[in-house]
C-alpha atoms as a PDB file:
ATOM      1  CA  UNK A   1       0.068  -0.062   0.100  1.00  0.00           C
ATOM      2  CA  UNK A   2       3.001   2.442   0.436  1.00  0.00           C
ATOM      3  CA  UNK A   3       3.410   2.308  -3.306  1.00  0.00           C
ATOM      4  CA  UNK A   4       0.113   4.033  -3.745  1.00  0.00           C
ATOM      5  CA  UNK A   5       2.008   7.429  -2.527  1.00  0.00           C
ATOM      6  CA  UNK A   6       4.699   6.797  -5.120  1.00  0.00           C
ATOM      7  CA  UNK A   7       2.689   5.533  -7.960  1.00  0.00           C
ATOM      8  CA  UNK A   8      -0.712   7.379  -7.795  1.00  0.00           C
ATOM      9  CA  UNK A   9      -0.887   9.950  -4.902  1.00  0.00           C
ATOM     10  CA  UNK A  10       2.224  11.950  -5.243  1.00  0.00           C
ATOM     11  CA  UNK A  11       3.704  15.322  -6.465  1.00  0.00           C
ATOM     12  CA  UNK A  12       0.853  17.503  -8.100  1.00  0.00           C
ATOM     13  CA  UNK A  13      -1.835  15.062  -7.177  1.00  0.00           C
ATOM     14  CA  UNK A  14      -0.816  15.013  -3.535  1.00  0.00           C
ATOM     15  CA  UNK A  15      -0.685  18.773  -3.579  1.00  0.00           C
ATOM     16  CA  UNK A  16      -4.202  19.048  -4.993  1.00  0.00           C
ATOM     17  CA  UNK A  17      -5.610  16.838  -1.949  1.00  0.00           C
ATOM     18  CA  UNK A  18      -4.265  19.625   0.247  1.00  0.00           C
ATOM     19  CA  UNK A  19      -5.607  22.529  -2.065  1.00  0.00           C
ATOM     20  CA  UNK A  20      -9.033  20.988  -2.031  1.00  0.00           C
ATOM     21  CA  UNK A  21      -9.107  20.686   1.763  1.00  0.00           C
ATOM     22  CA  UNK A  22     -12.153  22.343   3.186  1.00  0.00           C
ATOM     23  CA  UNK A  23     -11.665  24.975   6.104  1.00  0.00           C
ATOM     24  CA  UNK A  24     -12.067  22.529   8.954  1.00  0.00           C
ATOM     25  CA  UNK A  25      -9.117  20.425   7.509  1.00  0.00           C
ATOM     26  CA  UNK A  26      -6.955  23.513   6.550  1.00  0.00           C
ATOM     27  CA  UNK A  27      -7.346  24.457  10.201  1.00  0.00           C
ATOM     28  CA  UNK A  28      -6.337  20.919  11.230  1.00  0.00           C
ATOM     29  CA  UNK A  29      -3.281  21.079   9.082  1.00  0.00           C
ATOM     30  CA  UNK A  30      -2.178  24.699  10.435  1.00  0.00           C
ATOM     31  CA  UNK A  31      -2.550  23.359  13.850  1.00  0.00           C
ATOM     32  CA  UNK A  32      -0.313  20.432  13.283  1.00  0.00           C
ATOM     33  CA  UNK A  33       2.439  22.352  11.855  1.00  0.00           C
ATOM     34  CA  UNK A  34       2.137  25.153  14.683  1.00  0.00           C
ATOM     35  CA  UNK A  35       2.469  22.212  17.160  1.00  0.00           C
ATOM     36  CA  UNK A  36       5.804  21.080  15.558  1.00  0.00           C
ATOM     37  CA  UNK A  37       7.138  24.654  15.218  1.00  0.00           C
ATOM     38  CA  UNK A  38       6.769  25.498  18.840  1.00  0.00           C
ATOM     39  CA  UNK A  39       9.031  22.314  19.713  1.00  0.00           C
ATOM     40  CA  UNK A  40      11.848  23.567  17.415  1.00  0.00           C
ATOM     41  CA  UNK A  41      14.486  25.320  19.591  1.00  0.00           C
ATOM     42  CA  UNK A  42      16.663  27.875  17.702  1.00  0.00           C
ATOM     43  CA  UNK A  43      19.700  26.324  15.828  1.00  0.00           C
ATOM     44  CA  UNK A  44      17.918  22.702  15.747  1.00  0.00           C
ATOM     45  CA  UNK A  45      18.559  20.214  13.122  1.00  0.00           C
ATOM     46  CA  UNK A  46      14.965  18.748  12.103  1.00  0.00           C
ATOM     47  CA  UNK A  47      14.123  15.640  10.296  1.00  0.00           C
ATOM     48  CA  UNK A  48      10.689  15.208   8.625  1.00  0.00           C
ATOM     49  CA  UNK A  49       9.511  11.518   7.732  1.00  0.00           C
ATOM     50  CA  UNK A  50       7.467  11.551   4.686  1.00  0.00           C
ATOM     51  CA  UNK A  51       7.931  15.177   3.522  1.00  0.00           C
ATOM     52  CA  UNK A  52       6.054  14.731   0.172  1.00  0.00           C
ATOM     53  CA  UNK A  53       6.198  17.832  -2.029  1.00  0.00           C
ATOM     54  CA  UNK A  54       7.476  19.922   0.880  1.00  0.00           C
ATOM     55  CA  UNK A  55       4.290  21.177   2.395  1.00  0.00           C
ATOM     56  CA  UNK A  56       5.319  21.278   6.060  1.00  0.00           C
ATOM     57  CA  UNK A  57       8.906  21.898   5.371  1.00  0.00           C
ATOM     58  CA  UNK A  58       7.804  25.193   3.566  1.00  0.00           C
ATOM     59  CA  UNK A  59       6.013  26.369   6.469  1.00  0.00           C
ATOM     60  CA  UNK A  60       8.830  25.510   8.936  1.00  0.00           C
ATOM     61  CA  UNK A  61      11.795  26.821   6.619  1.00  0.00           C
ATOM     62  CA  UNK A  62      11.868  30.205   8.410  1.00  0.00           C
ATOM     63  CA  UNK A  63      12.729  28.383  11.653  1.00  0.00           C
ATOM     64  CA  UNK A  64      16.421  29.033  12.733  1.00  0.00           C
ATOM     65  CA  UNK A  65      18.176  25.843  12.024  1.00  0.00           C
ATOM     66  CA  UNK A  66      18.328  23.225   9.376  1.00  0.00           C
ATOM     67  CA  UNK A  67      15.555  21.024   8.036  1.00  0.00           C
ATOM     68  CA  UNK A  68      15.891  17.501   6.363  1.00  0.00           C
ATOM     69  CA  UNK A  69      12.960  15.983   4.425  1.00  0.00           C
ATOM     70  CA  UNK A  70      12.783  12.307   3.185  1.00  0.00           C
ATOM     71  CA  UNK A  71      10.326  10.513   1.110  1.00  0.00           C
ATOM     72  CA  UNK A  72      10.050   7.464  -0.961  1.00  0.00           C
ATOM     73  CA  UNK A  73       8.465   9.181  -3.940  1.00  0.00           C
ATOM     74  CA  UNK A  74      10.917  10.597  -6.303  1.00  0.00           C
ATOM     75  CA  UNK A  75       8.299  12.565  -8.264  1.00  0.00           C
ATOM     76  CA  UNK A  76       7.261  14.174  -4.701  1.00  0.00           C
ATOM     77  CA  UNK A  77      10.872  14.987  -4.052  1.00  0.00           C
ATOM     78  CA  UNK A  78      11.418  16.562  -7.686  1.00  0.00           C
ATOM     79  CA  UNK A  79       8.363  19.023  -6.980  1.00  0.00           C
ATOM     80  CA  UNK A  80       9.626  19.446  -3.517  1.00  0.00           C
ATOM     81  CA  UNK A  81      12.812  20.895  -5.052  1.00  0.00           C
ATOM     82  CA  UNK A  82      10.785  23.325  -6.931  1.00  0.00           C
ATOM     83  CA  UNK A  83       8.352  24.132  -4.314  1.00  0.00           C
ATOM     84  CA  UNK A  84      11.138  24.839  -1.870  1.00  0.00           C
ATOM     85  CA  UNK A  85      13.088  27.035  -4.131  1.00  0.00           C
ATOM     86  CA  UNK A  86      14.556  29.803  -2.172  1.00  0.00           C
ATOM     87  CA  UNK A  87      14.094  28.212   1.394  1.00  0.00           C
ATOM     88  CA  UNK A  88      17.296  28.157   3.023  1.00  0.00           C
ATOM     89  CA  UNK A  89      18.628  25.441   5.177  1.00  0.00           C
ATOM     90  CA  UNK A  90      16.496  22.599   3.763  1.00  0.00           C
ATOM     91  CA  UNK A  91      17.813  19.220   2.412  1.00  0.00           C
ATOM     92  CA  UNK A  92      15.989  16.494   0.718  1.00  0.00           C
ATOM     93  CA  UNK A  93      16.509  12.825   0.425  1.00  0.00           C
ATOM     94  CA  UNK A  94      14.988   9.788  -0.935  1.00  0.00           C
ATOM     95  CA  UNK A  95      14.880   7.478   1.885  1.00  0.00           C
ATOM     96  CA  UNK A  96      12.557   4.705   3.672  1.00  0.00           C
ATOM     97  CA  UNK A  97      11.394   5.935   7.126  1.00  0.00           C
ATOM     98  CA  UNK A  98      12.082   2.518   8.548  1.00  0.00           C
ATOM     99  CA  UNK A  99      15.625   2.225   7.037  1.00  0.00           C
ATOM    100  CA  UNK A 100      17.055   5.487   7.906  1.00  0.00           C
ATOM    101  CA  UNK A 101      20.683   6.154   6.565  1.00  0.00           C
ATOM    102  CA  UNK A 102      21.494   8.869   9.236  1.00  0.00           C
ATOM    103  CA  UNK A 103      24.122   8.264  12.156  1.00  0.00           C
ATOM    104  CA  UNK A 104      22.676   7.892  15.540  1.00  0.00           C
ATOM    105  CA  UNK A 105      21.795  11.134  17.369  1.00  0.00           C
ATOM    106  CA  UNK A 106      21.823  13.210  14.216  1.00  0.00           C
ATOM    107  CA  UNK A 107      18.732  15.333  15.079  1.00  0.00           C
ATOM    108  CA  UNK A 108      17.307  17.456  17.760  1.00  0.00           C
ATOM    109  CA  UNK A 109      13.658  16.897  16.450  1.00  0.00           C
ATOM    110  CA  UNK A 110      12.192  14.139  14.264  1.00  0.00           C
ATOM    111  CA  UNK A 111       8.491  14.501  13.154  1.00  0.00           C
ATOM    112  CA  UNK A 112       5.863  12.753  11.039  1.00  0.00           C
ATOM    113  CA  UNK A 113       2.669  14.352  10.988  1.00  0.00           C
ATOM    114  CA  UNK A 114      -0.909  14.269   8.992  1.00  0.00           C
ATOM    115  CA  UNK A 115      -1.157  10.426   9.894  1.00  0.00           C
ATOM    116  CA  UNK A 116       2.118   9.293   8.255  1.00  0.00           C
ATOM    117  CA  UNK A 117       2.186   6.858  11.275  1.00  0.00           C
ATOM    118  CA  UNK A 118      -0.569   5.056   9.375  1.00  0.00           C
ATOM    119  CA  UNK A 119      -0.122   6.107   5.797  1.00  0.00           C
ATOM    120  CA  UNK A 120       3.309   4.455   5.700  1.00  0.00           C
ATOM    121  CA  UNK A 121       1.670   1.138   6.223  1.00  0.00           C
ATOM    122  CA  UNK A 122       4.656  -0.148   8.261  1.00  0.00           C
ATOM    123  CA  UNK A 123       5.011  -1.555  11.796  1.00  0.00           C
ATOM    124  CA  UNK A 124       4.555   1.639  14.041  1.00  0.00           C
ATOM    125  CA  UNK A 125       6.822   0.147  16.578  1.00  0.00           C
ATOM    126  CA  UNK A 126       9.676  -0.156  13.962  1.00  0.00           C
ATOM    127  CA  UNK A 127       8.868   3.299  12.690  1.00  0.00           C
ATOM    128  CA  UNK A 128       9.097   4.803  16.187  1.00  0.00           C
ATOM    129  CA  UNK A 129      12.273   2.957  16.908  1.00  0.00           C
ATOM    130  CA  UNK A 130      13.921   4.101  13.975  1.00  0.00           C
ATOM    131  CA  UNK A 131      12.991   7.703  14.543  1.00  0.00           C
ATOM    132  CA  UNK A 132      14.258   7.573  18.260  1.00  0.00           C
ATOM    133  CA  UNK A 133      17.398   6.075  16.994  1.00  0.00           C
ATOM    134  CA  UNK A 134      18.568   9.166  15.125  1.00  0.00           C
ATOM    135  CA  UNK A 135      17.387  11.717  17.791  1.00  0.00           C
ATOM    136  CA  UNK A 136      19.819  13.289  20.165  1.00  0.00           C
ATOM    137  CA  UNK A 137      19.575  12.764  23.832  1.00  0.00           C
ATOM    138  CA  UNK A 138      17.142  15.210  25.172  1.00  0.00           C
ATOM    139  CA  UNK A 139      15.648  15.593  21.796  1.00  0.00           C
ATOM    140  CA  UNK A 140      12.180  15.038  20.715  1.00  0.00           C
ATOM    141  CA  UNK A 141      10.268  12.788  18.307  1.00  0.00           C
ATOM    142  CA  UNK A 142       6.741  13.639  17.262  1.00  0.00           C
ATOM    143  CA  UNK A 143       4.027  11.409  15.568  1.00  0.00           C
ATOM    144  CA  UNK A 144       0.286  12.273  14.907  1.00  0.00           C
ATOM    145  CA  UNK A 145      -2.759  10.549  13.840  1.00  0.00           C
ATOM    146  CA  UNK A 146      -6.320  11.709  13.648  1.00  0.00           C
ATOM    147  CA  UNK A 147      -8.461  12.524  16.731  1.00  0.00           C
ATOM    148  CA  UNK A 148     -11.715  10.485  16.840  1.00  0.00           C
ATOM    149  CA  UNK A 149     -13.768  13.734  16.989  1.00  0.00           C
ATOM    150  CA  UNK A 150     -12.274  14.858  13.609  1.00  0.00           C
ATOM    151  CA  UNK A 151     -13.874  11.911  11.844  1.00  0.00           C
ATOM    152  CA  UNK A 152     -16.766  13.615   9.964  1.00  0.00           C
ATOM    153  CA  UNK A 153     -14.316  16.297   8.655  1.00  0.00           C
ATOM    154  CA  UNK A 154     -11.784  13.797   7.523  1.00  0.00           C
ATOM    155  CA  UNK A 155     -14.615  11.758   5.898  1.00  0.00           C
ATOM    156  CA  UNK A 156     -15.661  14.728   3.877  1.00  0.00           C
ATOM    157  CA  UNK A 157     -12.219  15.487   2.815  1.00  0.00           C
ATOM    158  CA  UNK A 158     -11.738  12.028   1.450  1.00  0.00           C
ATOM    159  CA  UNK A 159     -15.096  12.165  -0.283  1.00  0.00           C
ATOM    160  CA  UNK A 160     -13.788  15.451  -2.049  1.00  0.00           C
ATOM    161  CA  UNK A 161     -10.587  13.618  -3.011  1.00  0.00           C
ATOM    162  CA  UNK A 162     -12.516  10.766  -4.591  1.00  0.00           C
ATOM    163  CA  UNK A 163     -14.791  12.922  -6.307  1.00  0.00           C
ATOM    164  CA  UNK A 164     -11.609  14.495  -8.268  1.00  0.00           C
ATOM    165  CA  UNK A 165     -10.263  11.131  -8.835  1.00  0.00           C
ATOM    166  CA  UNK A 166      -7.389  11.417  -6.548  1.00  0.00           C
ATOM    167  CA  UNK A 167      -8.331   8.372  -4.540  1.00  0.00           C
ATOM    168  CA  UNK A 168     -10.710   5.582  -5.316  1.00  0.00           C
ATOM    169  CA  UNK A 169     -14.307   5.789  -4.744  1.00  0.00           C
ATOM    170  CA  UNK A 170     -15.220   5.209  -1.065  1.00  0.00           C
ATOM    171  CA  UNK A 171     -16.508   1.913   0.094  1.00  0.00           C
ATOM    172  CA  UNK A 172     -19.112   3.289   2.312  1.00  0.00           C
ATOM    173  CA  UNK A 173     -20.167   0.139   3.805  1.00  0.00           C
ATOM    174  CA  UNK A 174     -16.600  -0.938   4.968  1.00  0.00           C
ATOM    175  CA  UNK A 175     -15.681   2.650   5.852  1.00  0.00           C
ATOM    176  CA  UNK A 176     -16.135   3.378   9.683  1.00  0.00           C
ATOM    177  CA  UNK A 177     -14.415   3.335  13.144  1.00  0.00           C
ATOM    178  CA  UNK A 178     -11.506   5.414  11.799  1.00  0.00           C
ATOM    179  CA  UNK A 179     -10.697   3.470   8.658  1.00  0.00           C
ATOM    180  CA  UNK A 180     -11.516   4.687   5.161  1.00  0.00           C
ATOM    181  CA  UNK A 181     -11.559   2.196   2.629  1.00  0.00           C
ATOM    182  CA  UNK A 182     -11.490   2.837  -1.092  1.00  0.00           C
ATOM    183  CA  UNK A 183     -12.783   0.514  -3.892  1.00  0.00           C
ATOM    184  CA  UNK A 184      -9.418   0.761  -5.665  1.00  0.00           C
ATOM    185  CA  UNK A 185      -7.678  -1.069  -2.541  1.00  0.00           C
ATOM    186  CA  UNK A 186      -6.552   2.152  -0.807  1.00  0.00           C
ATOM    187  CA  UNK A 187      -7.206   2.197   2.969  1.00  0.00           C
ATOM    188  CA  UNK A 188      -6.523   4.887   5.572  1.00  0.00           C
ATOM    189  CA  UNK A 189      -6.434   3.996   9.236  1.00  0.00           C
ATOM    190  CA  UNK A 190      -5.747   5.740  12.416  1.00  0.00           C
ATOM    191  CA  UNK A 191      -3.813   5.098  15.559  1.00  0.00           C
ATOM    192  CA  UNK A 192      -5.747   5.509  18.722  1.00  0.00           C
ATOM    193  CA  UNK A 193      -3.933   7.256  21.914  1.00  0.00           C
ATOM    194  CA  UNK A 194      -3.534   3.868  23.270  1.00  0.00           C
ATOM    195  CA  UNK A 195      -1.908   2.486  20.151  1.00  0.00           C
ATOM    196  CA  UNK A 196       0.581   5.382  20.002  1.00  0.00           C
ATOM    197  CA  UNK A 197       1.309   4.943  23.679  1.00  0.00           C
ATOM    198  CA  UNK A 198       1.982   1.109  23.100  1.00  0.00           C
ATOM    199  CA  UNK A 199       4.028   1.993  19.935  1.00  0.00           C
ATOM    200  CA  UNK A 200       6.289   4.256  21.907  1.00  0.00           C
ATOM    201  CA  UNK A 201       6.550   1.983  24.990  1.00  0.00           C
ATOM    202  CA  UNK A 202      10.146   1.643  26.272  1.00  0.00           C
ATOM    203  CA  UNK A 203      11.381   4.324  24.028  1.00  0.00           C
ATOM    204  CA  UNK A 204      12.838   7.628  25.392  1.00  0.00           C
ATOM    205  CA  UNK A 205      12.770   8.910  28.929  1.00  0.00           C
ATOM    206  CA  UNK A 206       9.143  10.206  28.672  1.00  0.00           C
ATOM    207  CA  UNK A 207       6.066   9.847  26.434  1.00  0.00           C
ATOM    208  CA  UNK A 208       3.183  12.322  26.336  1.00  0.00           C
ATOM    209  CA  UNK A 209       0.088  11.702  24.207  1.00  0.00           C
ATOM    210  CA  UNK A 210      -2.348  14.686  23.868  1.00  0.00           C
ATOM    211  CA  UNK A 211      -5.018  15.858  21.588  1.00  0.00           C
ATOM    212  CA  UNK A 212      -4.127  19.047  19.324  1.00  0.00           C
ATOM    213  CA  UNK A 213      -6.824  21.321  18.159  1.00  0.00           C
ATOM    214  CA  UNK A 214      -9.437  18.774  18.637  1.00  0.00           C
ATOM    215  CA  UNK A 215      -8.317  16.983  15.420  1.00  0.00           C
ATOM    216  CA  UNK A 216      -4.959  15.510  15.844  1.00  0.00           C
ATOM    217  CA  UNK A 217      -3.390  13.125  18.516  1.00  0.00           C
ATOM    218  CA  UNK A 218       0.205  13.582  19.032  1.00  0.00           C
ATOM    219  CA  UNK A 219       2.663  11.154  20.600  1.00  0.00           C
ATOM    220  CA  UNK A 220       5.754  13.263  21.837  1.00  0.00           C
ATOM    221  CA  UNK A 221       8.686  10.977  22.786  1.00  0.00           C
ATOM    222  CA  UNK A 222      11.571  12.841  24.794  1.00  0.00           C
ATOM    223  CA  UNK A 223      14.710  10.818  24.072  1.00  0.00           C
END
């Protein structure tokens, strides 16, 4: 399923998903980025897992420090180079989030937002462990998923995407309980607060799980 984001939902098609987002979703997206921004100390080195075409990196680029974005879609990375033209201190790389090629303790903050923890379709425990492995002692690792109370807004957004042919038609009977199922085989799940805590168990010195903006659930690991 991770190939969906490299073969069908990448680059310009991915950007259109965000361009079509209704106001409630735009507020959710902005709240996530602001939550990350507040956790970036000046002079930090920051890694985004699943940067896509550079949506979050562009918003964070004014932050003092350096930003690194990785993705498995070459089309998205090519678009990101153009989308981020003029942004200083940003580096892009083709890389799998569960096979990070960085040295240990390379980053002050590692983040993965907009439900990437589900969208990657990998073992969340492996994803969390890899992220923590490249974070410096005392640094932070952030993962987010959707809050349960955001379900109707999220569902409306997916219906808009399906209407524009960006994802398959929704299978309304199979869709529910935090899981969106499309007839082309695409599925979008969520991780509950309990599942996020379980994925982070034993990692770092502290784990905090909180709801942000009534739309996201963030898991923050202090390494």
